[in-house]
PDB file of all heavy atoms in Angstrom:
ATOM      1  N   LEU A   1     112.104 -20.859 -68.205  1.00  0.00           N
ATOM      2  CA  LEU A   1     112.844 -21.967 -68.772  1.00  0.00           C
ATOM      3  C   LEU A   1     113.772 -21.468 -69.879  1.00  0.00           C
ATOM      4  O   LEU A   1     113.414 -20.573 -70.658  1.00  0.00           O
ATOM      5  CB  LEU A   1     111.887 -23.008 -69.354  1.00  0.00           C
ATOM      6  CG  LEU A   1     110.897 -23.513 -68.342  1.00  0.00           C
ATOM      7  CD1 LEU A   1     109.918 -24.507 -68.992  1.00  0.00           C
ATOM      8  CD2 LEU A   1     111.634 -24.269 -67.178  1.00  0.00           C
ATOM      9  N   ASP A   2     115.008 -22.065 -69.977  1.00  0.00           N
ATOM     10  CA  ASP A   2     115.990 -21.693 -70.988  1.00  0.00           C
ATOM     11  C   ASP A   2     116.591 -22.909 -71.632  1.00  0.00           C
ATOM     12  O   ASP A   2     117.699 -22.834 -72.134  1.00  0.00           O
ATOM     13  CB  ASP A   2     117.003 -20.746 -70.402  1.00  0.00           C
ATOM     14  CG  ASP A   2     117.858 -21.478 -69.340  1.00  0.00           C
ATOM     15  OD1 ASP A   2     117.486 -22.561 -68.919  1.00  0.00           O
ATOM     16  OD2 ASP A   2     118.926 -20.879 -68.955  1.00  0.00           O
ATOM     17  N   GLY A   3     115.894 -24.083 -71.557  1.00  0.00           N
ATOM     18  CA  GLY A   3     116.411 -25.317 -72.147  1.00  0.00           C
ATOM     19  C   GLY A   3     116.087 -25.493 -73.598  1.00  0.00           C
ATOM     20  O   GLY A   3     115.897 -24.524 -74.341  1.00  0.00           O
ATOM     21  N   TYR A   4     115.999 -26.730 -73.998  1.00  0.00           N
ATOM     22  CA  TYR A   4     115.822 -27.046 -75.413  1.00  0.00           C
ATOM     23  C   TYR A   4     114.558 -27.838 -75.698  1.00  0.00           C
ATOM     24  O   TYR A   4     114.448 -28.579 -76.699  1.00  0.00           O
ATOM     25  CB  TYR A   4     117.062 -27.842 -75.933  1.00  0.00           C
ATOM     26  CG  TYR A   4     118.256 -26.925 -76.023  1.00  0.00           C
ATOM     27  CD1 TYR A   4     119.080 -26.729 -74.986  1.00  0.00           C
ATOM     28  CD2 TYR A   4     118.559 -26.220 -77.246  1.00  0.00           C
ATOM     29  CE1 TYR A   4     120.198 -25.887 -75.058  1.00  0.00           C
ATOM     30  CE2 TYR A   4     119.641 -25.412 -77.322  1.00  0.00           C
ATOM     31  CZ  TYR A   4     120.478 -25.241 -76.238  1.00  0.00           C
ATOM     32  OH  TYR A   4     121.556 -24.402 -76.346  1.00  0.00           O
ATOM     33  N   GLN A   5     113.549 -27.707 -74.817  1.00  0.00           N
ATOM     34  CA  GLN A   5     112.239 -28.431 -74.982  1.00  0.00           C
ATOM     35  C   GLN A   5     111.198 -27.418 -75.252  1.00  0.00           C
ATOM     36  O   GLN A   5     111.076 -26.404 -74.594  1.00  0.00           O
ATOM     37  CB  GLN A   5     111.889 -29.257 -73.732  1.00  0.00           C
ATOM     38  CG  GLN A   5     112.875 -30.441 -73.536  1.00  0.00           C
ATOM     39  CD  GLN A   5     112.571 -31.177 -72.217  1.00  0.00           C
ATOM     40  OE1 GLN A   5     112.728 -30.607 -71.151  1.00  0.00           O
ATOM     41  NE2 GLN A   5     112.065 -32.392 -72.358  1.00  0.00           N
ATOM     42  N   TRP A   6     110.359 -27.684 -76.274  1.00  0.00           N
ATOM     43  CA  TRP A   6     109.194 -26.877 -76.589  1.00  0.00           C
ATOM     44  C   TRP A   6     108.365 -26.708 -75.302  1.00  0.00           C
ATOM     45  O   TRP A   6     108.024 -27.678 -74.651  1.00  0.00           O
ATOM     46  CB  TRP A   6     108.369 -27.367 -77.684  1.00  0.00           C
ATOM     47  CG  TRP A   6     109.076 -27.584 -79.003  1.00  0.00           C
ATOM     48  CD1 TRP A   6     109.171 -28.739 -79.716  1.00  0.00           C
ATOM     49  CD2 TRP A   6     109.808 -26.591 -79.766  1.00  0.00           C
ATOM     50  NE1 TRP A   6     109.953 -28.558 -80.818  1.00  0.00           N
ATOM     51  CE2 TRP A   6     110.304 -27.239 -80.869  1.00  0.00           C
ATOM     52  CE3 TRP A   6     110.058 -25.250 -79.611  1.00  0.00           C
ATOM     53  CZ2 TRP A   6     111.039 -26.600 -81.896  1.00  0.00           C
ATOM     54  CZ3 TRP A   6     110.842 -24.609 -80.573  1.00  0.00           C
ATOM     55  CH2 TRP A   6     111.263 -25.230 -81.676  1.00  0.00           C
ATOM     56  N   SER A   7     107.901 -25.501 -75.011  1.00  0.00           N
ATOM     57  CA  SER A   7     107.064 -25.280 -73.853  1.00  0.00           C
ATOM     58  C   SER A   7     106.409 -23.907 -73.963  1.00  0.00           C
ATOM     59  O   SER A   7     107.070 -22.919 -74.448  1.00  0.00           O
ATOM     60  CB  SER A   7     107.900 -25.382 -72.611  1.00  0.00           C
ATOM     61  OG  SER A   7     107.214 -24.865 -71.485  1.00  0.00           O
ATOM     62  N   GLY A   8     105.248 -23.772 -73.405  1.00  0.00           N
ATOM     63  CA  GLY A   8     104.661 -22.446 -73.245  1.00  0.00           C
ATOM     64  C   GLY A   8     105.124 -21.673 -72.031  1.00  0.00           C
ATOM     65  O   GLY A   8     104.584 -20.588 -71.742  1.00  0.00           O
ATOM     66  N   ASP A   9     106.115 -22.296 -71.317  1.00  0.00           N
ATOM     67  CA  ASP A   9     106.679 -21.692 -70.068  1.00  0.00           C
ATOM     68  C   ASP A   9     105.454 -21.534 -69.096  1.00  0.00           C
ATOM     69  O   ASP A   9     104.511 -22.325 -69.142  1.00  0.00           O
ATOM     70  CB  ASP A   9     107.349 -20.317 -70.395  1.00  0.00           C
ATOM     71  CG  ASP A   9     108.414 -19.984 -69.345  1.00  0.00           C
ATOM     72  OD1 ASP A   9     108.029 -19.427 -68.261  1.00  0.00           O
ATOM     73  OD2 ASP A   9     109.624 -20.323 -69.555  1.00  0.00           O
ATOM     74  N   TRP A  10     105.574 -20.579 -68.176  1.00  0.00           N
ATOM     75  CA  TRP A  10     104.486 -20.482 -67.142  1.00  0.00           C
ATOM     76  C   TRP A  10     103.091 -20.253 -67.737  1.00  0.00           C
ATOM     77  O   TRP A  10     102.115 -20.810 -67.254  1.00  0.00           O
ATOM     78  CB  TRP A  10     104.814 -19.448 -66.058  1.00  0.00           C
ATOM     79  CG  TRP A  10     104.865 -18.036 -66.517  1.00  0.00           C
ATOM     80  CD1 TRP A  10     105.942 -17.290 -66.780  1.00  0.00           C
ATOM     81  CD2 TRP A  10     103.691 -17.194 -66.731  1.00  0.00           C
ATOM     82  NE1 TRP A  10     105.568 -16.043 -67.157  1.00  0.00           N
ATOM     83  CE2 TRP A  10     104.262 -15.931 -67.152  1.00  0.00           C
ATOM     84  CE3 TRP A  10     102.363 -17.350 -66.666  1.00  0.00           C
ATOM     85  CZ2 TRP A  10     103.389 -14.830 -67.475  1.00  0.00           C
ATOM     86  CZ3 TRP A  10     101.485 -16.292 -66.970  1.00  0.00           C
ATOM     87  CH2 TRP A  10     102.030 -15.082 -67.378  1.00  0.00           C
ATOM     88  N   PRO A  11     102.945 -19.468 -68.871  1.00  0.00           N
ATOM     89  CA  PRO A  11     101.593 -19.363 -69.428  1.00  0.00           C
ATOM     90  C   PRO A  11     101.036 -20.672 -69.941  1.00  0.00           C
ATOM     91  O   PRO A  11      99.822 -20.970 -69.835  1.00  0.00           O
ATOM     92  CB  PRO A  11     101.814 -18.383 -70.576  1.00  0.00           C
ATOM     93  CG  PRO A  11     102.984 -17.574 -70.236  1.00  0.00           C
ATOM     94  CD  PRO A  11     103.933 -18.590 -69.562  1.00  0.00           C
ATOM     95  N   GLY A  12     101.942 -21.570 -70.474  1.00  0.00           N
ATOM     96  CA  GLY A  12     101.467 -22.876 -70.917  1.00  0.00           C
ATOM     97  C   GLY A  12     101.011 -23.730 -69.759  1.00  0.00           C
ATOM     98  O   GLY A  12      99.962 -24.393 -69.887  1.00  0.00           O
ATOM     99  N   PHE A  13     101.772 -23.721 -68.682  1.00  0.00           N
ATOM    100  CA  PHE A  13     101.413 -24.520 -67.526  1.00  0.00           C
ATOM    101  C   PHE A  13     100.108 -23.941 -66.872  1.00  0.00           C
ATOM    102  O   PHE A  13      99.247 -24.697 -66.370  1.00  0.00           O
ATOM    103  CB  PHE A  13     102.534 -24.592 -66.533  1.00  0.00           C
ATOM    104  CG  PHE A  13     103.678 -25.472 -66.895  1.00  0.00           C
ATOM    105  CD1 PHE A  13     104.860 -24.973 -67.335  1.00  0.00           C
ATOM    106  CD2 PHE A  13     103.481 -26.852 -66.928  1.00  0.00           C
ATOM    107  CE1 PHE A  13     105.908 -25.800 -67.765  1.00  0.00           C
ATOM    108  CE2 PHE A  13     104.489 -27.710 -67.299  1.00  0.00           C
ATOM    109  CZ  PHE A  13     105.730 -27.166 -67.692  1.00  0.00           C
ATOM    110  N   ALA A  14      99.956 -22.638 -66.856  1.00  0.00           N
ATOM    111  CA  ALA A  14      98.738 -21.972 -66.326  1.00  0.00           C
ATOM    112  C   ALA A  14      97.560 -22.400 -67.129  1.00  0.00           C
ATOM    113  O   ALA A  14      96.482 -22.739 -66.552  1.00  0.00           O
ATOM    114  CB  ALA A  14      98.908 -20.482 -66.319  1.00  0.00           C
ATOM    115  N   ALA A  15      97.690 -22.348 -68.519  1.00  0.00           N
ATOM    116  CA  ALA A  15      96.553 -22.791 -69.299  1.00  0.00           C
ATOM    117  C   ALA A  15      96.147 -24.218 -69.076  1.00  0.00           C
ATOM    118  O   ALA A  15      94.911 -24.530 -68.962  1.00  0.00           O
ATOM    119  CB  ALA A  15      96.864 -22.554 -70.783  1.00  0.00           C
ATOM    120  N   GLU A  16      97.118 -25.075 -68.918  1.00  0.00           N
ATOM    121  CA  GLU A  16      96.862 -26.489 -68.671  1.00  0.00           C
ATOM    122  C   GLU A  16      96.123 -26.643 -67.332  1.00  0.00           C
ATOM    123  O   GLU A  16      95.205 -27.440 -67.140  1.00  0.00           O
ATOM    124  CB  GLU A  16      98.101 -27.318 -68.674  1.00  0.00           C
ATOM    125  CG  GLU A  16      98.712 -27.493 -70.063  1.00  0.00           C
ATOM    126  CD  GLU A  16      99.880 -28.482 -70.036  1.00  0.00           C
ATOM    127  OE1 GLU A  16     100.472 -28.735 -68.971  1.00  0.00           O
ATOM    128  OE2 GLU A  16     100.203 -29.000 -71.097  1.00  0.00           O
ATOM    129  N   GLU A  17      96.531 -25.897 -66.327  1.00  0.00           N
ATOM    130  CA  GLU A  17      95.924 -25.968 -65.018  1.00  0.00           C
ATOM    131  C   GLU A  17      94.468 -25.478 -65.041  1.00  0.00           C
ATOM    132  O   GLU A  17      93.567 -26.106 -64.426  1.00  0.00           O
ATOM    133  CB  GLU A  17      96.751 -25.139 -64.057  1.00  0.00           C
ATOM    134  CG  GLU A  17      96.430 -25.386 -62.562  1.00  0.00           C
ATOM    135  CD  GLU A  17      96.970 -26.719 -62.032  1.00  0.00           C
ATOM    136  OE1 GLU A  17      97.879 -27.320 -62.696  1.00  0.00           O
ATOM    137  OE2 GLU A  17      96.544 -27.062 -60.928  1.00  0.00           O
ATOM    138  N   ILE A  18      94.228 -24.376 -65.712  1.00  0.00           N
ATOM    139  CA  ILE A  18      92.825 -23.888 -65.867  1.00  0.00           C
ATOM    140  C   ILE A  18      91.977 -24.914 -66.550  1.00  0.00           C
ATOM    141  O   ILE A  18      90.817 -25.147 -66.190  1.00  0.00           O
ATOM    142  CB  ILE A  18      92.889 -22.528 -66.606  1.00  0.00           C
ATOM    143  CG1 ILE A  18      93.590 -21.472 -65.728  1.00  0.00           C
ATOM    144  CG2 ILE A  18      91.457 -22.094 -66.911  1.00  0.00           C
ATOM    145  CD1 ILE A  18      93.880 -20.192 -66.490  1.00  0.00           C
ATOM    146  N   GLU A  19      92.519 -25.479 -67.632  1.00  0.00           N
ATOM    147  CA  GLU A  19      91.735 -26.457 -68.410  1.00  0.00           C
ATOM    148  C   GLU A  19      91.513 -27.726 -67.697  1.00  0.00           C
ATOM    149  O   GLU A  19      90.480 -28.426 -67.946  1.00  0.00           O
ATOM    150  CB  GLU A  19      92.413 -26.609 -69.770  1.00  0.00           C
ATOM    151  CG  GLU A  19      92.316 -25.393 -70.671  1.00  0.00           C
ATOM    152  CD  GLU A  19      93.164 -25.425 -71.933  1.00  0.00           C
ATOM    153  OE1 GLU A  19      93.879 -26.445 -72.140  1.00  0.00           O
ATOM    154  OE2 GLU A  19      93.033 -24.461 -72.725  1.00  0.00           O
ATOM    155  N   ARG A  20      92.436 -28.101 -66.816  1.00  0.00           N
ATOM    156  CA  ARG A  20      92.169 -29.281 -65.989  1.00  0.00           C
ATOM    157  C   ARG A  20      91.000 -29.068 -65.076  1.00  0.00           C
ATOM    158  O   ARG A  20      90.200 -29.978 -64.809  1.00  0.00           O
ATOM    159  CB  ARG A  20      93.379 -29.681 -65.127  1.00  0.00           C
ATOM    160  CG  ARG A  20      94.306 -30.678 -65.829  1.00  0.00           C
ATOM    161  CD  ARG A  20      95.334 -31.238 -64.877  1.00  0.00           C
ATOM    162  NE  ARG A  20      96.324 -30.246 -64.473  1.00  0.00           N
ATOM    163  CZ  ARG A  20      97.461 -29.996 -65.057  1.00  0.00           C
ATOM    164  NH1 ARG A  20      97.772 -30.682 -66.204  1.00  0.00           N
ATOM    165  NH2 ARG A  20      98.295 -29.063 -64.647  1.00  0.00           N
ATOM    166  N   ALA A  21      90.888 -27.853 -64.539  1.00  0.00           N
ATOM    167  CA  ALA A  21      89.797 -27.462 -63.643  1.00  0.00           C
ATOM    168  C   ALA A  21      88.497 -27.303 -64.376  1.00  0.00           C
ATOM    169  O   ALA A  21      87.412 -27.526 -63.859  1.00  0.00           O
ATOM    170  CB  ALA A  21      90.123 -26.214 -62.855  1.00  0.00           C
ATOM    171  N   HIS A  22      88.603 -26.945 -65.708  1.00  0.00           N
ATOM    172  CA  HIS A  22      87.400 -26.693 -66.497  1.00  0.00           C
ATOM    173  C   HIS A  22      87.581 -27.425 -67.850  1.00  0.00           C
ATOM    174  O   HIS A  22      87.979 -26.754 -68.830  1.00  0.00           O
ATOM    175  CB  HIS A  22      87.142 -25.197 -66.687  1.00  0.00           C
ATOM    176  CG  HIS A  22      87.083 -24.499 -65.420  1.00  0.00           C
ATOM    177  ND1 HIS A  22      85.923 -24.401 -64.657  1.00  0.00           N
ATOM    178  CD2 HIS A  22      88.040 -23.771 -64.675  1.00  0.00           C
ATOM    179  CE1 HIS A  22      86.133 -23.730 -63.603  1.00  0.00           C
ATOM    180  NE2 HIS A  22      87.385 -23.316 -63.573  1.00  0.00           N
ATOM    181  N   PRO A  23      87.431 -28.728 -67.940  1.00  0.00           N
ATOM    182  CA  PRO A  23      87.759 -29.543 -69.091  1.00  0.00           C
ATOM    183  C   PRO A  23      87.103 -29.081 -70.383  1.00  0.00           C
ATOM    184  O   PRO A  23      87.596 -29.363 -71.505  1.00  0.00           O
ATOM    185  CB  PRO A  23      87.404 -30.922 -68.715  1.00  0.00           C
ATOM    186  CG  PRO A  23      87.326 -30.983 -67.240  1.00  0.00           C
ATOM    187  CD  PRO A  23      86.892 -29.563 -66.813  1.00  0.00           C
ATOM    188  N   GLU A  24      85.921 -28.448 -70.318  1.00  0.00           N
ATOM    189  CA  GLU A  24      85.193 -28.055 -71.509  1.00  0.00           C
ATOM    190  C   GLU A  24      85.581 -26.648 -71.953  1.00  0.00           C
ATOM    191  O   GLU A  24      85.031 -26.140 -72.949  1.00  0.00           O
ATOM    192  CB  GLU A  24      83.728 -28.161 -71.309  1.00  0.00           C
ATOM    193  CG  GLU A  24      83.301 -29.658 -71.063  1.00  0.00           C
ATOM    194  CD  GLU A  24      81.766 -29.765 -70.903  1.00  0.00           C
ATOM    195  OE1 GLU A  24      81.105 -28.718 -70.868  1.00  0.00           O
ATOM    196  OE2 GLU A  24      81.287 -30.921 -70.791  1.00  0.00           O
ATOM    197  N   ALA A  25      86.482 -25.975 -71.263  1.00  0.00           N
ATOM    198  CA  ALA A  25      86.838 -24.633 -71.540  1.00  0.00           C
ATOM    199  C   ALA A  25      88.225 -24.519 -72.201  1.00  0.00           C
ATOM    200  O   ALA A  25      89.078 -25.433 -72.017  1.00  0.00           O
ATOM    201  CB  ALA A  25      86.803 -23.754 -70.256  1.00  0.00           C
ATOM    202  N   THR A  26      88.418 -23.484 -72.922  1.00  0.00           N
ATOM    203  CA  THR A  26      89.735 -23.132 -73.516  1.00  0.00           C
ATOM    204  C   THR A  26      90.313 -21.950 -72.789  1.00  0.00           C
ATOM    205  O   THR A  26      89.680 -20.907 -72.655  1.00  0.00           O
ATOM    206  CB  THR A  26      89.582 -22.833 -74.994  1.00  0.00           C
ATOM    207  OG1 THR A  26      89.184 -23.992 -75.754  1.00  0.00           O
ATOM    208  CG2 THR A  26      90.903 -22.356 -75.600  1.00  0.00           C
ATOM    209  N   ALA A  27      91.536 -22.097 -72.314  1.00  0.00           N
ATOM    210  CA  ALA A  27      92.196 -20.969 -71.576  1.00  0.00           C
ATOM    211  C   ALA A  27      93.114 -20.288 -72.555  1.00  0.00           C
ATOM    212  O   ALA A  27      93.975 -20.890 -73.192  1.00  0.00           O
ATOM    213  CB  ALA A  27      93.015 -21.550 -70.391  1.00  0.00           C
ATOM    214  N   MET A  28      92.956 -18.953 -72.632  1.00  0.00           N
ATOM    215  CA  MET A  28      93.741 -18.103 -73.520  1.00  0.00           C
ATOM    216  C   MET A  28      94.436 -17.073 -72.677  1.00  0.00           C
ATOM    217  O   MET A  28      93.809 -16.287 -71.975  1.00  0.00           O
ATOM    218  CB  MET A  28      92.797 -17.429 -74.563  1.00  0.00           C
ATOM    219  CG  MET A  28      92.005 -18.494 -75.397  1.00  0.00           C
ATOM    220  SD  MET A  28      90.793 -17.694 -76.534  1.00  0.00           S
ATOM    221  CE  MET A  28      91.923 -16.761 -77.626  1.00  0.00           C
ATOM    222  N   ILE A  29      95.774 -17.012 -72.816  1.00  0.00           N
ATOM    223  CA  ILE A  29      96.551 -16.101 -71.991  1.00  0.00           C
ATOM    224  C   ILE A  29      97.340 -15.141 -72.865  1.00  0.00           C
ATOM    225  O   ILE A  29      97.998 -15.532 -73.799  1.00  0.00           O
ATOM    226  CB  ILE A  29      97.519 -16.914 -71.074  1.00  0.00           C
ATOM    227  CG1 ILE A  29      96.731 -17.837 -70.156  1.00  0.00           C
ATOM    228  CG2 ILE A  29      98.434 -15.954 -70.263  1.00  0.00           C
ATOM    229  CD1 ILE A  29      97.602 -18.710 -69.262  1.00  0.00           C
ATOM    230  N   TRP A  30      97.171 -13.816 -72.538  1.00  0.00           N
ATOM    231  CA  TRP A  30      97.922 -12.770 -73.256  1.00  0.00           C
ATOM    232  C   TRP A  30      98.927 -12.173 -72.302  1.00  0.00           C
ATOM    233  O   TRP A  30      98.818 -12.203 -71.064  1.00  0.00           O
ATOM    234  CB  TRP A  30      96.980 -11.732 -73.848  1.00  0.00           C
ATOM    235  CG  TRP A  30      95.979 -11.157 -72.914  1.00  0.00           C
ATOM    236  CD1 TRP A  30      94.703 -11.601 -72.738  1.00  0.00           C
ATOM    237  CD2 TRP A  30      96.077 -10.022 -72.028  1.00  0.00           C
ATOM    238  NE1 TRP A  30      94.045 -10.842 -71.810  1.00  0.00           N
ATOM    239  CE2 TRP A  30      94.899  -9.821 -71.367  1.00  0.00           C
ATOM    240  CE3 TRP A  30      97.106  -9.123 -71.756  1.00  0.00           C
ATOM    241  CZ2 TRP A  30      94.640  -8.865 -70.453  1.00  0.00           C
ATOM    242  CZ3 TRP A  30      96.929  -8.108 -70.874  1.00  0.00           C
ATOM    243  CH2 TRP A  30      95.683  -7.972 -70.238  1.00  0.00           C
ATOM    244  N   ALA A  31      99.986 -11.624 -72.867  1.00  0.00           N
ATOM    245  CA  ALA A  31     101.047 -11.003 -72.080  1.00  0.00           C
ATOM    246  C   ALA A  31     100.792  -9.527 -71.835  1.00  0.00           C
ATOM    247  O   ALA A  31     100.493  -8.779 -72.809  1.00  0.00           O
ATOM    248  CB  ALA A  31     102.432 -11.189 -72.795  1.00  0.00           C
ATOM    249  N   GLY A  32     100.908  -9.036 -70.632  1.00  0.00           N
ATOM    250  CA  GLY A  32     100.796  -7.681 -70.332  1.00  0.00           C
ATOM    251  C   GLY A  32     102.093  -6.926 -70.517  1.00  0.00           C
ATOM    252  O   GLY A  32     103.036  -7.412 -71.216  1.00  0.00           O
ATOM    253  N   CYS A  33     102.202  -5.783 -69.899  1.00  0.00           N
ATOM    254  CA  CYS A  33     103.434  -4.948 -70.058  1.00  0.00           C
ATOM    255  C   CYS A  33     104.534  -5.448 -69.113  1.00  0.00           C
ATOM    256  O   CYS A  33     104.856  -4.762 -68.116  1.00  0.00           O
ATOM    257  CB  CYS A  33     103.119  -3.498 -69.832  1.00  0.00           C
ATOM    258  SG  CYS A  33     101.916  -2.826 -71.044  1.00  0.00           S
ATOM    259  N   GLY A  34     105.120  -6.577 -69.448  1.00  0.00           N
ATOM    260  CA  GLY A  34     106.036  -7.221 -68.577  1.00  0.00           C
ATOM    261  C   GLY A  34     107.507  -7.235 -69.073  1.00  0.00           C
ATOM    262  O   GLY A  34     108.278  -8.070 -68.655  1.00  0.00           O
ATOM    263  N   ALA A  35     107.811  -6.317 -69.910  1.00  0.00           N
ATOM    264  CA  ALA A  35     109.163  -6.309 -70.524  1.00  0.00           C
ATOM    265  C   ALA A  35     110.286  -6.193 -69.497  1.00  0.00           C
ATOM    266  O   ALA A  35     111.397  -6.717 -69.729  1.00  0.00           O
ATOM    267  CB  ALA A  35     109.278  -5.191 -71.550  1.00  0.00           C
ATOM    268  N   ASP A  36     110.031  -5.530 -68.376  1.00  0.00           N
ATOM    269  CA  ASP A  36     111.015  -5.402 -67.311  1.00  0.00           C
ATOM    270  C   ASP A  36     110.661  -6.236 -66.076  1.00  0.00           C
ATOM    271  O   ASP A  36     111.155  -5.955 -64.987  1.00  0.00           O
ATOM    272  CB  ASP A  36     111.265  -3.916 -66.920  1.00  0.00           C
ATOM    273  CG  ASP A  36     109.925  -3.211 -66.678  1.00  0.00           C
ATOM    274  OD1 ASP A  36     108.831  -3.721 -66.838  1.00  0.00           O
ATOM    275  OD2 ASP A  36     110.025  -2.015 -66.218  1.00  0.00           O
ATOM    276  N   GLN A  37     109.749  -7.210 -66.288  1.00  0.00           N
ATOM    277  CA  GLN A  37     109.247  -8.076 -65.164  1.00  0.00           C
ATOM    278  C   GLN A  37     109.653  -9.524 -65.408  1.00  0.00           C
ATOM    279  O   GLN A  37     109.353 -10.013 -66.479  1.00  0.00           O
ATOM    280  CB  GLN A  37     107.767  -7.948 -65.041  1.00  0.00           C
ATOM    281  CG  GLN A  37     107.254  -6.539 -65.020  1.00  0.00           C
ATOM    282  CD  GLN A  37     107.563  -5.755 -63.782  1.00  0.00           C
ATOM    283  OE1 GLN A  37     107.347  -6.162 -62.647  1.00  0.00           O
ATOM    284  NE2 GLN A  37     108.244  -4.552 -63.941  1.00  0.00           N
ATOM    285  N   ASN A  38     110.294 -10.140 -64.466  1.00  0.00           N
ATOM    286  CA  ASN A  38     110.707 -11.510 -64.637  1.00  0.00           C
ATOM    287  C   ASN A  38     109.987 -12.412 -63.540  1.00  0.00           C
ATOM    288  O   ASN A  38     109.719 -11.955 -62.452  1.00  0.00           O
ATOM    289  CB  ASN A  38     112.183 -11.705 -64.438  1.00  0.00           C
ATOM    290  CG  ASN A  38     112.944 -11.654 -65.789  1.00  0.00           C
ATOM    291  OD1 ASN A  38     112.365 -11.437 -66.803  1.00  0.00           O
ATOM    292  ND2 ASN A  38     114.248 -11.751 -65.706  1.00  0.00           N
ATOM    293  N   PRO A  39     109.761 -13.700 -63.938  1.00  0.00           N
ATOM    294  CA  PRO A  39     109.257 -14.646 -62.947  1.00  0.00           C
ATOM    295  C   PRO A  39     110.473 -15.210 -62.135  1.00  0.00           C
ATOM    296  O   PRO A  39     111.274 -15.876 -62.679  1.00  0.00           O
ATOM    297  CB  PRO A  39     108.636 -15.787 -63.800  1.00  0.00           C
ATOM    298  CG  PRO A  39     109.428 -15.721 -65.070  1.00  0.00           C
ATOM    299  CD  PRO A  39     109.887 -14.272 -65.262  1.00  0.00           C
ATOM    300  N   LEU A  40     110.542 -14.808 -60.881  1.00  0.00           N
ATOM    301  CA  LEU A  40     111.727 -15.162 -60.102  1.00  0.00           C
ATOM    302  C   LEU A  40     111.332 -15.832 -58.823  1.00  0.00           C
ATOM    303  O   LEU A  40     110.328 -15.449 -58.137  1.00  0.00           O
ATOM    304  CB  LEU A  40     112.477 -13.897 -59.790  1.00  0.00           C
ATOM    305  CG  LEU A  40     113.095 -13.184 -61.052  1.00  0.00           C
ATOM    306  CD1 LEU A  40     113.777 -11.837 -60.639  1.00  0.00           C
ATOM    307  CD2 LEU A  40     114.085 -14.031 -61.784  1.00  0.00           C
ATOM    308  N   PRO A  41     112.137 -16.867 -58.397  1.00  0.00           N
ATOM    309  CA  PRO A  41     113.265 -17.483 -59.072  1.00  0.00           C
ATOM    310  C   PRO A  41     112.815 -18.275 -60.297  1.00  0.00           C
ATOM    311  O   PRO A  41     111.647 -18.458 -60.522  1.00  0.00           O
ATOM    312  CB  PRO A  41     113.878 -18.381 -57.991  1.00  0.00           C
ATOM    313  CG  PRO A  41     112.698 -18.788 -57.131  1.00  0.00           C
ATOM    314  CD  PRO A  41     111.879 -17.546 -57.109  1.00  0.00           C
ATOM    315  N   ARG A  42     113.836 -18.716 -61.135  1.00  0.00           N
ATOM    316  CA  ARG A  42     113.519 -19.405 -62.318  1.00  0.00           C
ATOM    317  C   ARG A  42     114.574 -20.440 -62.615  1.00  0.00           C
ATOM    318  O   ARG A  42     115.352 -20.806 -61.823  1.00  0.00           O
ATOM    319  CB  ARG A  42     113.367 -18.355 -63.455  1.00  0.00           C
ATOM    320  CG  ARG A  42     114.575 -17.495 -63.657  1.00  0.00           C
ATOM    321  CD  ARG A  42     114.358 -16.412 -64.708  1.00  0.00           C
ATOM    322  NE  ARG A  42     115.537 -15.621 -64.948  1.00  0.00           N
ATOM    323  CZ  ARG A  42     115.771 -14.947 -66.046  1.00  0.00           C
ATOM    324  NH1 ARG A  42     114.887 -14.987 -67.042  1.00  0.00           N
ATOM    325  NH2 ARG A  42     116.840 -14.219 -66.175  1.00  0.00           N
ATOM    326  N   ARG A  43     114.520 -20.948 -63.903  1.00  0.00           N
ATOM    327  CA  ARG A  43     115.471 -21.924 -64.496  1.00  0.00           C
ATOM    328  C   ARG A  43     115.178 -23.376 -64.066  1.00  0.00           C
ATOM    329  O   ARG A  43     116.018 -24.232 -64.290  1.00  0.00           O
ATOM    330  CB  ARG A  43     116.949 -21.628 -64.156  1.00  0.00           C
ATOM    331  CG  ARG A  43     117.388 -20.189 -64.591  1.00  0.00           C
ATOM    332  CD  ARG A  43     117.168 -19.989 -66.068  1.00  0.00           C
ATOM    333  NE  ARG A  43     117.756 -18.731 -66.491  1.00  0.00           N
ATOM    334  CZ  ARG A  43     117.176 -17.911 -67.438  1.00  0.00           C
ATOM    335  NH1 ARG A  43     116.054 -18.219 -67.974  1.00  0.00           N
ATOM    336  NH2 ARG A  43     117.790 -16.789 -67.802  1.00  0.00           N
ATOM    337  N   LYS A  44     114.025 -23.635 -63.459  1.00  0.00           N
ATOM    338  CA  LYS A  44     113.628 -24.961 -63.168  1.00  0.00           C
ATOM    339  C   LYS A  44     112.180 -25.199 -63.621  1.00  0.00           C
ATOM    340  O   LYS A  44     111.358 -24.317 -63.502  1.00  0.00           O
ATOM    341  CB  LYS A  44     113.760 -25.253 -61.666  1.00  0.00           C
ATOM    342  CG  LYS A  44     115.137 -25.242 -61.093  1.00  0.00           C
ATOM    343  CD  LYS A  44     115.174 -25.531 -59.610  1.00  0.00           C
ATOM    344  CE  LYS A  44     116.549 -25.467 -59.044  1.00  0.00           C
ATOM    345  NZ  LYS A  44     116.555 -25.816 -57.564  1.00  0.00           N
ATOM    346  N   VAL A  45     111.898 -26.394 -64.145  1.00  0.00           N
ATOM    347  CA  VAL A  45     110.619 -26.711 -64.607  1.00  0.00           C
ATOM    348  C   VAL A  45     109.563 -26.569 -63.463  1.00  0.00           C
ATOM    349  O   VAL A  45     108.466 -26.069 -63.692  1.00  0.00           O
ATOM    350  CB  VAL A  45     110.509 -28.134 -65.168  1.00  0.00           C
ATOM    351  CG1 VAL A  45     109.055 -28.524 -65.562  1.00  0.00           C
ATOM    352  CG2 VAL A  45     111.380 -28.251 -66.505  1.00  0.00           C
TER     353      VAL A  45
END
């Protein structure tokens, strides 16, 4: 995403999905060595 709304991007949506499946759990996502890796295609919610 490159718009103007606050968002965790795909990690935020992933955490929400994990927590929907496990409502009593907290999902914590860290970034690996992805400096040259993009989620493609992109630019759509």
